[in-house]
Amino acid sequence: MKIKKNTPELLIAGETPWFLAIMLLFFTLTFAAIGLLTLTQHWAGLIFLFVGGGLGVGAMCVFVERLQLILDARAETLTLRSRTMFRYTETVLPLKDVLRAETETGHSNSRNGVNSPQSLSRVTFIIRDGSGTDGTTILPLTSVMSTGKGAATVTHAANEWLKDLRGSETLHDATCPTTA
């Protein structure tokens, strides 16, 4: 994820996987074209058209997800948006319930058949659960962990933005991960 806008009133971070979407579209159109060309001479073109094209469309539905995080001081809200080809979700929470952001990390089991774990991460928010018992809940920005420094960058920016907004009030157990 990348920081799109960072002002005292607004922090916007987002991710749109354009490269992946374009490559999957190219894959889908290639198999559909081969299927249509083969269909004029043989019925096996239907296999290319529906199986190859269907796999490409299915992969786009599963893997291409646009994410957006908006921290808005004027509206006093935290907004999390996610859009895929067939699903749109938006979660809006009061900013006063957001305690801090954290980076959740994990490791993959293997990489290319070799047992060398790869570090994965995602942004999560620690939210007051609203039960009045000082309990908290964890709200992940996405259900998928990814590689790279994007999650740490967004976590650090969100925590700094919240600190600046709240003035001298510190974030509860907030730690900003360092980026190497």
N, C-alpha and C. Protein backbone atom coordinates (compact mmCIF):
# COMPACT_ATOMS: atom_id res chain seq x y z
N MET A 1 0.84 -1.18 0.00
CA MET A 1 0.00 0.00 0.00
C MET A 1 0.88 1.24 0.00
N LYS A 2 0.32 2.30 -0.52
CA LYS A 2 1.04 3.55 -0.59
C LYS A 2 0.20 4.67 0.01
N ILE A 3 0.88 5.66 0.57
CA ILE A 3 0.21 6.84 1.09
C ILE A 3 -0.13 7.73 -0.10
N LYS A 4 -1.41 8.02 -0.29
CA LYS A 4 -1.85 8.85 -1.41
C LYS A 4 -1.94 10.32 -1.01
N LYS A 5 -2.37 10.57 0.25
CA LYS A 5 -2.52 11.94 0.73
C LYS A 5 -2.30 11.94 2.23
N ASN A 6 -1.50 12.90 2.72
CA ASN A 6 -1.23 12.99 4.16
C ASN A 6 -1.22 14.46 4.55
N THR A 7 -2.35 14.93 5.07
CA THR A 7 -2.49 16.29 5.57
C THR A 7 -2.99 16.18 7.01
N PRO A 8 -2.97 17.28 7.78
CA PRO A 8 -3.48 17.20 9.15
C PRO A 8 -4.96 16.81 9.22
N GLU A 9 -5.72 17.06 8.17
CA GLU A 9 -7.15 16.73 8.18
C GLU A 9 -7.47 15.37 7.58
N LEU A 10 -6.56 14.85 6.74
CA LEU A 10 -6.91 13.65 5.97
C LEU A 10 -5.67 12.80 5.70
N LEU A 11 -5.82 11.51 5.92
CA LEU A 11 -4.79 10.54 5.53
C LEU A 11 -5.47 9.50 4.65
N ILE A 12 -4.96 9.35 3.44
CA ILE A 12 -5.52 8.37 2.51
C ILE A 12 -4.39 7.45 2.06
N ALA A 13 -4.61 6.16 2.21
CA ALA A 13 -3.68 5.15 1.72
C ALA A 13 -4.47 4.20 0.83
N GLY A 14 -3.84 3.71 -0.20
CA GLY A 14 -4.57 2.83 -1.09
C GLY A 14 -3.65 1.93 -1.89
N GLU A 15 -4.29 0.95 -2.50
CA GLU A 15 -3.58 0.00 -3.34
C GLU A 15 -4.53 -0.46 -4.44
N THR A 16 -4.07 -0.32 -5.67
CA THR A 16 -4.81 -0.83 -6.82
C THR A 16 -3.83 -1.68 -7.63
N PRO A 17 -4.05 -2.98 -7.71
CA PRO A 17 -3.10 -3.87 -8.39
C PRO A 17 -3.27 -3.84 -9.92
N TRP A 18 -2.88 -2.72 -10.54
CA TRP A 18 -3.05 -2.55 -11.97
C TRP A 18 -2.27 -3.59 -12.77
N PHE A 19 -1.03 -3.84 -12.41
CA PHE A 19 -0.21 -4.78 -13.18
C PHE A 19 -0.86 -6.17 -13.20
N LEU A 20 -1.30 -6.63 -12.04
CA LEU A 20 -1.93 -7.95 -11.96
C LEU A 20 -3.23 -7.98 -12.78
N ALA A 21 -4.02 -6.92 -12.69
CA ALA A 21 -5.28 -6.86 -13.44
C ALA A 21 -5.03 -6.88 -14.95
N ILE A 22 -4.04 -6.14 -15.40
CA ILE A 22 -3.74 -6.09 -16.84
C ILE A 22 -3.20 -7.44 -17.33
N MET A 23 -2.35 -8.07 -16.54
CA MET A 23 -1.81 -9.37 -16.94
C MET A 23 -2.91 -10.44 -17.00
N LEU A 24 -3.82 -10.42 -16.05
CA LEU A 24 -4.92 -11.39 -16.07
C LEU A 24 -5.90 -11.11 -17.22
N LEU A 25 -6.10 -9.84 -17.53
CA LEU A 25 -6.94 -9.50 -18.67
C LEU A 25 -6.29 -10.00 -19.96
N PHE A 26 -4.98 -9.81 -20.10
CA PHE A 26 -4.25 -10.31 -21.27
C PHE A 26 -4.38 -11.83 -21.37
N PHE A 27 -4.22 -12.53 -20.26
CA PHE A 27 -4.37 -14.00 -20.22
C PHE A 27 -5.77 -14.39 -20.70
N THR A 28 -6.79 -13.72 -20.18
CA THR A 28 -8.17 -14.05 -20.52
C THR A 28 -8.44 -13.80 -22.00
N LEU A 29 -8.03 -12.65 -22.50
CA LEU A 29 -8.27 -12.32 -23.91
C LEU A 29 -7.50 -13.25 -24.85
N THR A 30 -6.32 -13.67 -24.46
CA THR A 30 -5.54 -14.60 -25.29
C THR A 30 -6.26 -15.93 -25.43
N PHE A 31 -6.72 -16.49 -24.33
CA PHE A 31 -7.43 -17.77 -24.40
C PHE A 31 -8.77 -17.63 -25.12
N ALA A 32 -9.45 -16.50 -24.92
CA ALA A 32 -10.72 -16.29 -25.62
C ALA A 32 -10.48 -16.17 -27.13
N ALA A 33 -9.44 -15.46 -27.53
CA ALA A 33 -9.14 -15.31 -28.97
C ALA A 33 -8.76 -16.65 -29.59
N ILE A 34 -7.91 -17.42 -28.90
CA ILE A 34 -7.54 -18.75 -29.41
C ILE A 34 -8.79 -19.62 -29.53
N GLY A 35 -9.66 -19.56 -28.55
CA GLY A 35 -10.89 -20.34 -28.58
C GLY A 35 -11.78 -19.95 -29.74
N LEU A 36 -11.93 -18.65 -29.99
CA LEU A 36 -12.78 -18.21 -31.09
C LEU A 36 -12.19 -18.58 -32.45
N LEU A 37 -10.87 -18.45 -32.58
CA LEU A 37 -10.24 -18.83 -33.84
C LEU A 37 -10.32 -20.33 -34.09
N THR A 38 -10.15 -21.13 -33.05
CA THR A 38 -10.21 -22.58 -33.18
C THR A 38 -11.64 -23.06 -33.39
N LEU A 39 -12.58 -22.34 -32.84
CA LEU A 39 -13.99 -22.71 -32.92
C LEU A 39 -14.49 -22.74 -34.36
N THR A 40 -13.91 -21.90 -35.22
CA THR A 40 -14.34 -21.88 -36.62
C THR A 40 -14.00 -23.18 -37.34
N GLN A 41 -13.02 -23.95 -36.81
CA GLN A 41 -12.62 -25.19 -37.47
C GLN A 41 -12.90 -26.44 -36.64
N HIS A 42 -13.01 -26.29 -35.30
CA HIS A 42 -13.17 -27.47 -34.47
C HIS A 42 -13.89 -27.08 -33.18
N TRP A 43 -14.67 -28.00 -32.66
CA TRP A 43 -15.44 -27.72 -31.44
C TRP A 43 -14.57 -27.56 -30.19
N ALA A 44 -13.30 -28.00 -30.26
CA ALA A 44 -12.40 -27.90 -29.11
C ALA A 44 -12.11 -26.45 -28.75
N GLY A 45 -12.43 -25.53 -29.64
CA GLY A 45 -12.27 -24.11 -29.35
C GLY A 45 -13.11 -23.68 -28.16
N LEU A 46 -14.21 -24.40 -27.93
CA LEU A 46 -15.05 -24.09 -26.76
C LEU A 46 -14.30 -24.30 -25.45
N ILE A 47 -13.40 -25.29 -25.44
CA ILE A 47 -12.62 -25.56 -24.24
C ILE A 47 -11.70 -24.37 -23.96
N PHE A 48 -11.01 -23.90 -24.99
CA PHE A 48 -10.15 -22.72 -24.81
C PHE A 48 -10.98 -21.51 -24.37
N LEU A 49 -12.11 -21.32 -25.03
CA LEU A 49 -12.94 -20.15 -24.76
C LEU A 49 -13.47 -20.15 -23.34
N PHE A 50 -14.09 -21.23 -22.92
CA PHE A 50 -14.75 -21.24 -21.61
C PHE A 50 -13.82 -21.60 -20.45
N VAL A 51 -12.93 -22.58 -20.65
CA VAL A 51 -12.06 -22.96 -19.55
C VAL A 51 -10.94 -21.92 -19.37
N GLY A 52 -10.22 -21.62 -20.46
CA GLY A 52 -9.14 -20.63 -20.35
C GLY A 52 -9.65 -19.25 -19.99
N GLY A 53 -10.68 -18.81 -20.70
CA GLY A 53 -11.26 -17.50 -20.40
C GLY A 53 -11.90 -17.46 -19.03
N GLY A 54 -12.54 -18.56 -18.66
CA GLY A 54 -13.18 -18.63 -17.33
C GLY A 54 -12.17 -18.61 -16.20
N LEU A 55 -11.03 -19.29 -16.40
CA LEU A 55 -9.98 -19.24 -15.38
C LEU A 55 -9.44 -17.83 -15.21
N GLY A 56 -9.28 -17.11 -16.31
CA GLY A 56 -8.79 -15.74 -16.23
C GLY A 56 -9.76 -14.83 -15.50
N VAL A 57 -11.04 -14.94 -15.83
CA VAL A 57 -12.06 -14.12 -15.15
C VAL A 57 -12.14 -14.50 -13.67
N GLY A 58 -12.07 -15.80 -13.38
CA GLY A 58 -12.10 -16.24 -11.99
C GLY A 58 -10.91 -15.71 -11.19
N ALA A 59 -9.74 -15.73 -11.81
CA ALA A 59 -8.55 -15.20 -11.14
C ALA A 59 -8.69 -13.70 -10.88
N MET A 60 -9.27 -12.97 -11.83
CA MET A 60 -9.49 -11.54 -11.61
C MET A 60 -10.44 -11.30 -10.44
N CYS A 61 -11.46 -12.13 -10.35
CA CYS A 61 -12.43 -11.99 -9.26
C CYS A 61 -11.79 -12.23 -7.90
N VAL A 62 -10.86 -13.15 -7.83
CA VAL A 62 -10.25 -13.54 -6.56
C VAL A 62 -9.07 -12.65 -6.19
N PHE A 63 -8.18 -12.36 -7.15
CA PHE A 63 -6.91 -11.74 -6.82
C PHE A 63 -6.85 -10.23 -7.00
N VAL A 64 -7.72 -9.64 -7.78
CA VAL A 64 -7.65 -8.20 -8.02
C VAL A 64 -8.60 -7.51 -7.05
N GLU A 65 -8.01 -6.83 -6.05
CA GLU A 65 -8.78 -6.16 -5.02
C GLU A 65 -8.21 -4.76 -4.79
N ARG A 66 -9.07 -3.76 -4.90
CA ARG A 66 -8.66 -2.38 -4.65
C ARG A 66 -8.95 -2.07 -3.19
N LEU A 67 -7.93 -1.60 -2.47
CA LEU A 67 -8.07 -1.27 -1.06
C LEU A 67 -7.89 0.22 -0.86
N GLN A 68 -8.63 0.78 0.09
CA GLN A 68 -8.49 2.18 0.43
C GLN A 68 -8.73 2.38 1.92
N LEU A 69 -7.86 3.16 2.54
CA LEU A 69 -7.96 3.52 3.95
C LEU A 69 -8.05 5.03 4.02
N ILE A 70 -9.06 5.54 4.73
CA ILE A 70 -9.23 6.99 4.87
C ILE A 70 -9.40 7.31 6.35
N LEU A 71 -8.49 8.12 6.87
CA LEU A 71 -8.63 8.69 8.21
C LEU A 71 -9.00 10.15 8.02
N ASP A 72 -10.20 10.53 8.45
CA ASP A 72 -10.73 11.86 8.20
C ASP A 72 -10.99 12.58 9.52
N ALA A 73 -10.22 13.65 9.78
CA ALA A 73 -10.37 14.40 11.03
C ALA A 73 -11.64 15.23 11.04
N ARG A 74 -12.06 15.75 9.90
CA ARG A 74 -13.28 16.58 9.84
C ARG A 74 -14.53 15.76 10.13
N ALA A 75 -14.62 14.60 9.49
CA ALA A 75 -15.78 13.73 9.71
C ALA A 75 -15.61 12.87 10.95
N GLU A 76 -14.39 12.84 11.49
CA GLU A 76 -14.03 12.02 12.65
C GLU A 76 -14.35 10.54 12.42
N THR A 77 -13.88 10.05 11.26
CA THR A 77 -14.14 8.65 10.89
C THR A 77 -12.90 7.96 10.36
N LEU A 78 -12.92 6.65 10.50
CA LEU A 78 -11.98 5.75 9.85
C LEU A 78 -12.81 4.98 8.84
N THR A 79 -12.42 5.04 7.56
CA THR A 79 -13.15 4.35 6.51
C THR A 79 -12.23 3.35 5.85
N LEU A 80 -12.68 2.10 5.76
CA LEU A 80 -11.96 1.04 5.07
C LEU A 80 -12.83 0.60 3.90
N ARG A 81 -12.27 0.67 2.69
CA ARG A 81 -13.02 0.27 1.49
C ARG A 81 -12.28 -0.83 0.76
N SER A 82 -13.05 -1.76 0.22
CA SER A 82 -12.50 -2.86 -0.55
C SER A 82 -13.43 -3.12 -1.73
N ARG A 83 -12.84 -3.24 -2.94
CA ARG A 83 -13.65 -3.50 -4.12
C ARG A 83 -12.98 -4.58 -4.96
N THR A 84 -13.79 -5.60 -5.30
CA THR A 84 -13.39 -6.60 -6.27
C THR A 84 -14.36 -6.49 -7.44
N MET A 85 -14.30 -7.42 -8.38
CA MET A 85 -15.20 -7.34 -9.53
C MET A 85 -16.67 -7.46 -9.12
N PHE A 86 -16.95 -8.26 -8.09
CA PHE A 86 -18.34 -8.51 -7.75
C PHE A 86 -18.72 -8.08 -6.33
N ARG A 87 -17.79 -7.49 -5.60
CA ARG A 87 -18.08 -7.17 -4.20
C ARG A 87 -17.51 -5.80 -3.85
N TYR A 88 -18.30 -5.04 -3.10
CA TYR A 88 -17.85 -3.75 -2.58
C TYR A 88 -18.20 -3.72 -1.10
N THR A 89 -17.20 -3.46 -0.28
CA THR A 89 -17.47 -3.33 1.16
C THR A 89 -16.89 -2.02 1.64
N GLU A 90 -17.59 -1.42 2.57
CA GLU A 90 -17.13 -0.18 3.19
C GLU A 90 -17.45 -0.25 4.67
N THR A 91 -16.44 -0.04 5.49
CA THR A 91 -16.61 -0.03 6.93
C THR A 91 -16.25 1.36 7.42
N VAL A 92 -17.18 2.01 8.12
CA VAL A 92 -16.94 3.34 8.66
C VAL A 92 -17.06 3.25 10.17
N LEU A 93 -16.01 3.70 10.86
CA LEU A 93 -15.97 3.65 12.33
C LEU A 93 -15.66 5.04 12.87
N PRO A 94 -16.16 5.36 14.07
CA PRO A 94 -15.79 6.64 14.67
C PRO A 94 -14.30 6.66 15.00
N LEU A 95 -13.66 7.77 14.73
CA LEU A 95 -12.23 7.90 14.94
C LEU A 95 -11.86 7.80 16.42
N LYS A 96 -12.78 8.17 17.28
CA LYS A 96 -12.51 8.12 18.73
C LYS A 96 -12.35 6.68 19.22
N ASP A 97 -12.89 5.71 18.49
CA ASP A 97 -12.77 4.31 18.88
C ASP A 97 -11.48 3.66 18.39
N VAL A 98 -10.75 4.34 17.51
CA VAL A 98 -9.51 3.80 16.97
C VAL A 98 -8.39 4.09 17.96
N LEU A 99 -7.81 3.05 18.53
CA LEU A 99 -6.72 3.23 19.48
C LEU A 99 -5.38 3.41 18.78
N ARG A 100 -5.10 2.55 17.77
CA ARG A 100 -3.83 2.61 17.06
C ARG A 100 -3.88 1.64 15.87
N ALA A 101 -2.84 1.74 15.07
CA ALA A 101 -2.64 0.80 13.96
C ALA A 101 -1.48 -0.11 14.31
N GLU A 102 -1.52 -1.32 13.81
CA GLU A 102 -0.43 -2.27 14.02
C GLU A 102 -0.18 -3.02 12.72
N THR A 103 1.01 -3.58 12.63
CA THR A 103 1.36 -4.42 11.49
C THR A 103 1.35 -5.86 11.96
N GLU A 104 0.45 -6.64 11.41
CA GLU A 104 0.38 -8.07 11.73
C GLU A 104 1.30 -8.80 10.76
N THR A 105 2.16 -9.65 11.28
CA THR A 105 3.11 -10.34 10.42
C THR A 105 2.95 -11.85 10.53
N GLY A 106 3.39 -12.52 9.51
CA GLY A 106 3.37 -13.97 9.47
C GLY A 106 4.41 -14.43 8.46
N HIS A 107 4.49 -15.73 8.26
CA HIS A 107 5.46 -16.29 7.32
C HIS A 107 4.76 -17.30 6.43
N SER A 108 5.18 -17.33 5.17
CA SER A 108 4.66 -18.34 4.25
C SER A 108 5.34 -19.66 4.56
N ASN A 109 4.70 -20.75 4.18
CA ASN A 109 5.27 -22.07 4.45
C ASN A 109 6.45 -22.40 3.56
N SER A 110 6.33 -22.11 2.29
CA SER A 110 7.43 -22.42 1.37
C SER A 110 7.38 -21.46 0.20
N ARG A 111 8.49 -21.42 -0.51
CA ARG A 111 8.57 -20.55 -1.68
C ARG A 111 9.19 -21.36 -2.81
N ASN A 112 8.43 -21.59 -3.84
CA ASN A 112 8.88 -22.34 -5.01
C ASN A 112 9.37 -23.74 -4.64
N GLY A 113 8.71 -24.35 -3.69
CA GLY A 113 9.06 -25.70 -3.30
C GLY A 113 10.24 -25.79 -2.36
N VAL A 114 10.91 -24.70 -2.10
CA VAL A 114 12.05 -24.68 -1.19
C VAL A 114 11.54 -24.19 0.16
N ASN A 115 11.97 -24.80 1.21
CA ASN A 115 11.49 -24.45 2.54
C ASN A 115 12.23 -23.21 3.06
N SER A 116 11.94 -22.06 2.48
CA SER A 116 12.50 -20.80 2.96
C SER A 116 11.34 -19.84 3.19
N PRO A 117 10.91 -19.68 4.43
CA PRO A 117 9.74 -18.86 4.70
C PRO A 117 9.95 -17.40 4.29
N GLN A 118 8.86 -16.81 3.80
CA GLN A 118 8.88 -15.42 3.37
C GLN A 118 8.01 -14.61 4.33
N SER A 119 8.45 -13.43 4.71
CA SER A 119 7.73 -12.60 5.65
C SER A 119 6.54 -11.92 4.96
N LEU A 120 5.37 -12.03 5.57
CA LEU A 120 4.14 -11.43 5.06
C LEU A 120 3.58 -10.49 6.13
N SER A 121 2.85 -9.46 5.70
CA SER A 121 2.29 -8.53 6.68
C SER A 121 1.02 -7.89 6.15
N ARG A 122 0.26 -7.28 7.08
CA ARG A 122 -0.93 -6.51 6.73
C ARG A 122 -1.20 -5.51 7.84
N VAL A 123 -1.94 -4.48 7.51
CA VAL A 123 -2.29 -3.43 8.46
C VAL A 123 -3.54 -3.86 9.22
N THR A 124 -3.51 -3.69 10.54
CA THR A 124 -4.69 -3.92 11.37
C THR A 124 -4.89 -2.70 12.27
N PHE A 125 -6.11 -2.51 12.70
CA PHE A 125 -6.43 -1.43 13.62
C PHE A 125 -6.96 -2.01 14.92
N ILE A 126 -6.51 -1.44 16.03
CA ILE A 126 -7.01 -1.83 17.34
C ILE A 126 -8.14 -0.87 17.67
N ILE A 127 -9.34 -1.44 17.86
CA ILE A 127 -10.56 -0.66 18.02
C ILE A 127 -11.18 -0.97 19.37
N ARG A 128 -11.73 0.05 20.04
CA ARG A 128 -12.52 -0.21 21.24
C ARG A 128 -13.75 -1.00 20.81
N ASP A 129 -14.08 -2.05 21.56
CA ASP A 129 -15.18 -2.91 21.13
C ASP A 129 -16.56 -2.35 21.46
N GLY A 130 -16.66 -1.28 22.24
CA GLY A 130 -17.95 -0.65 22.49
C GLY A 130 -18.78 -1.31 23.56
N SER A 131 -18.25 -2.33 24.23
CA SER A 131 -19.02 -3.00 25.27
C SER A 131 -18.92 -2.29 26.60
N GLY A 132 -18.06 -1.27 26.68
CA GLY A 132 -17.90 -0.52 27.92
C GLY A 132 -17.00 -1.21 28.93
N THR A 133 -16.27 -2.24 28.50
CA THR A 133 -15.41 -3.00 29.42
C THR A 133 -13.93 -2.78 29.13
N ASP A 134 -13.59 -1.72 28.44
CA ASP A 134 -12.21 -1.45 28.03
C ASP A 134 -11.64 -2.56 27.15
N GLY A 135 -12.50 -3.32 26.53
CA GLY A 135 -12.04 -4.37 25.63
C GLY A 135 -11.73 -3.81 24.26
N THR A 136 -10.91 -4.53 23.53
CA THR A 136 -10.56 -4.11 22.18
C THR A 136 -10.80 -5.24 21.20
N THR A 137 -10.86 -4.88 19.95
CA THR A 137 -10.98 -5.85 18.88
C THR A 137 -10.00 -5.46 17.78
N ILE A 138 -9.58 -6.43 17.01
CA ILE A 138 -8.64 -6.19 15.92
C ILE A 138 -9.42 -6.18 14.61
N LEU A 139 -9.22 -5.11 13.83
CA LEU A 139 -9.87 -4.98 12.54
C LEU A 139 -8.80 -4.94 11.45
N PRO A 140 -8.65 -6.02 10.67
CA PRO A 140 -7.66 -6.01 9.59
C PRO A 140 -8.16 -5.21 8.40
N LEU A 141 -7.24 -4.55 7.71
CA LEU A 141 -7.59 -3.78 6.52
C LEU A 141 -8.00 -4.72 5.39
N THR A 142 -7.34 -5.87 5.31
CA THR A 142 -7.65 -6.86 4.29
C THR A 142 -7.48 -8.26 4.89
N SER A 143 -8.06 -9.25 4.25
CA SER A 143 -7.93 -10.61 4.75
C SER A 143 -6.64 -11.27 4.25
N VAL A 144 -5.94 -10.62 3.34
CA VAL A 144 -4.76 -11.20 2.72
C VAL A 144 -3.50 -10.48 3.21
N MET A 145 -2.48 -11.26 3.54
CA MET A 145 -1.18 -10.68 3.88
C MET A 145 -0.34 -10.62 2.61
N SER A 146 0.57 -9.63 2.56
CA SER A 146 1.40 -9.47 1.38
C SER A 146 2.84 -9.18 1.77
N THR A 147 3.72 -9.27 0.80
CA THR A 147 5.14 -8.99 1.03
C THR A 147 5.39 -7.50 0.88
N GLY A 148 6.57 -7.08 1.24
CA GLY A 148 6.96 -5.69 1.06
C GLY A 148 6.80 -4.86 2.32
N LYS A 149 7.13 -3.57 2.18
CA LYS A 149 7.13 -2.66 3.31
C LYS A 149 5.86 -1.81 3.37
N GLY A 150 4.90 -2.06 2.51
CA GLY A 150 3.70 -1.23 2.45
C GLY A 150 2.91 -1.20 3.75
N ALA A 151 2.74 -2.35 4.38
CA ALA A 151 1.98 -2.40 5.63
C ALA A 151 2.67 -1.62 6.74
N ALA A 152 3.98 -1.76 6.85
CA ALA A 152 4.73 -1.03 7.88
C ALA A 152 4.68 0.47 7.63
N THR A 153 4.75 0.87 6.37
CA THR A 153 4.69 2.29 6.02
C THR A 153 3.34 2.88 6.38
N VAL A 154 2.27 2.18 6.05
CA VAL A 154 0.92 2.67 6.34
C VAL A 154 0.67 2.67 7.85
N THR A 155 1.13 1.65 8.55
CA THR A 155 0.97 1.60 10.01
C THR A 155 1.67 2.79 10.67
N HIS A 156 2.89 3.04 10.27
CA HIS A 156 3.65 4.16 10.83
C HIS A 156 2.95 5.49 10.53
N ALA A 157 2.52 5.69 9.28
CA ALA A 157 1.85 6.94 8.90
C ALA A 157 0.54 7.12 9.66
N ALA A 158 -0.23 6.04 9.83
CA ALA A 158 -1.51 6.14 10.55
C ALA A 158 -1.28 6.48 12.02
N ASN A 159 -0.30 5.84 12.65
CA ASN A 159 -0.01 6.13 14.06
C ASN A 159 0.50 7.56 14.24
N GLU A 160 1.36 8.02 13.35
CA GLU A 160 1.85 9.40 13.43
C GLU A 160 0.71 10.38 13.21
N TRP A 161 -0.17 10.11 12.27
CA TRP A 161 -1.32 10.97 11.99
C TRP A 161 -2.24 11.03 13.21
N LEU A 162 -2.49 9.88 13.83
CA LEU A 162 -3.34 9.86 15.03
C LEU A 162 -2.69 10.62 16.18
N LYS A 163 -1.38 10.49 16.36
CA LYS A 163 -0.67 11.23 17.40
C LYS A 163 -0.77 12.73 17.17
N ASP A 164 -0.55 13.16 15.93
CA ASP A 164 -0.65 14.58 15.60
C ASP A 164 -2.06 15.11 15.82
N LEU A 165 -3.06 14.31 15.48
CA LEU A 165 -4.45 14.72 15.65
C LEU A 165 -4.81 14.87 17.12
N ARG A 166 -4.36 13.93 17.93
CA ARG A 166 -4.74 13.93 19.34
C ARG A 166 -3.83 14.78 20.21
N GLY A 167 -2.82 15.37 19.63
CA GLY A 167 -1.93 16.25 20.37
C GLY A 167 -1.05 15.48 21.34
N SER A 168 -1.11 15.86 22.62
CA SER A 168 -0.22 15.25 23.61
C SER A 168 -0.66 13.85 24.02
N GLU A 169 -1.89 13.48 23.67
CA GLU A 169 -2.37 12.13 24.01
C GLU A 169 -1.58 11.09 23.24
N THR A 170 -1.06 10.12 23.92
CA THR A 170 -0.27 9.08 23.25
C THR A 170 -1.16 7.92 22.87
N LEU A 171 -0.71 7.16 21.92
CA LEU A 171 -1.44 5.97 21.51
C LEU A 171 -1.15 4.86 22.50
N HIS A 172 -2.15 4.09 22.81
CA HIS A 172 -2.01 2.98 23.77
C HIS A 172 -1.17 1.88 23.16
N ASP A 173 0.00 1.63 23.75
CA ASP A 173 0.92 0.58 23.30
C ASP A 173 1.32 0.73 21.85
N ALA A 174 1.34 1.94 21.36
CA ALA A 174 1.66 2.15 19.95
C ALA A 174 3.14 2.04 19.72
N THR A 175 3.48 1.29 18.75
CA THR A 175 4.87 1.22 18.31
C THR A 175 4.87 1.39 16.81
N CYS A 176 5.70 2.27 16.33
CA CYS A 176 5.83 2.46 14.89
C CYS A 176 6.95 1.57 14.42
N PRO A 177 6.65 0.65 13.53
CA PRO A 177 7.71 -0.22 13.03
C PRO A 177 8.70 0.58 12.21
N THR A 178 9.93 0.20 12.31
CA THR A 178 10.95 0.89 11.53
C THR A 178 11.06 0.23 10.19
N THR A 179 11.30 1.04 9.19
CA THR A 179 11.49 0.49 7.85
C THR A 179 12.97 0.50 7.55
N ALA A 180 13.46 -0.65 7.14
CA ALA A 180 14.91 -0.78 6.89
C ALA A 180 15.20 -0.51 5.43
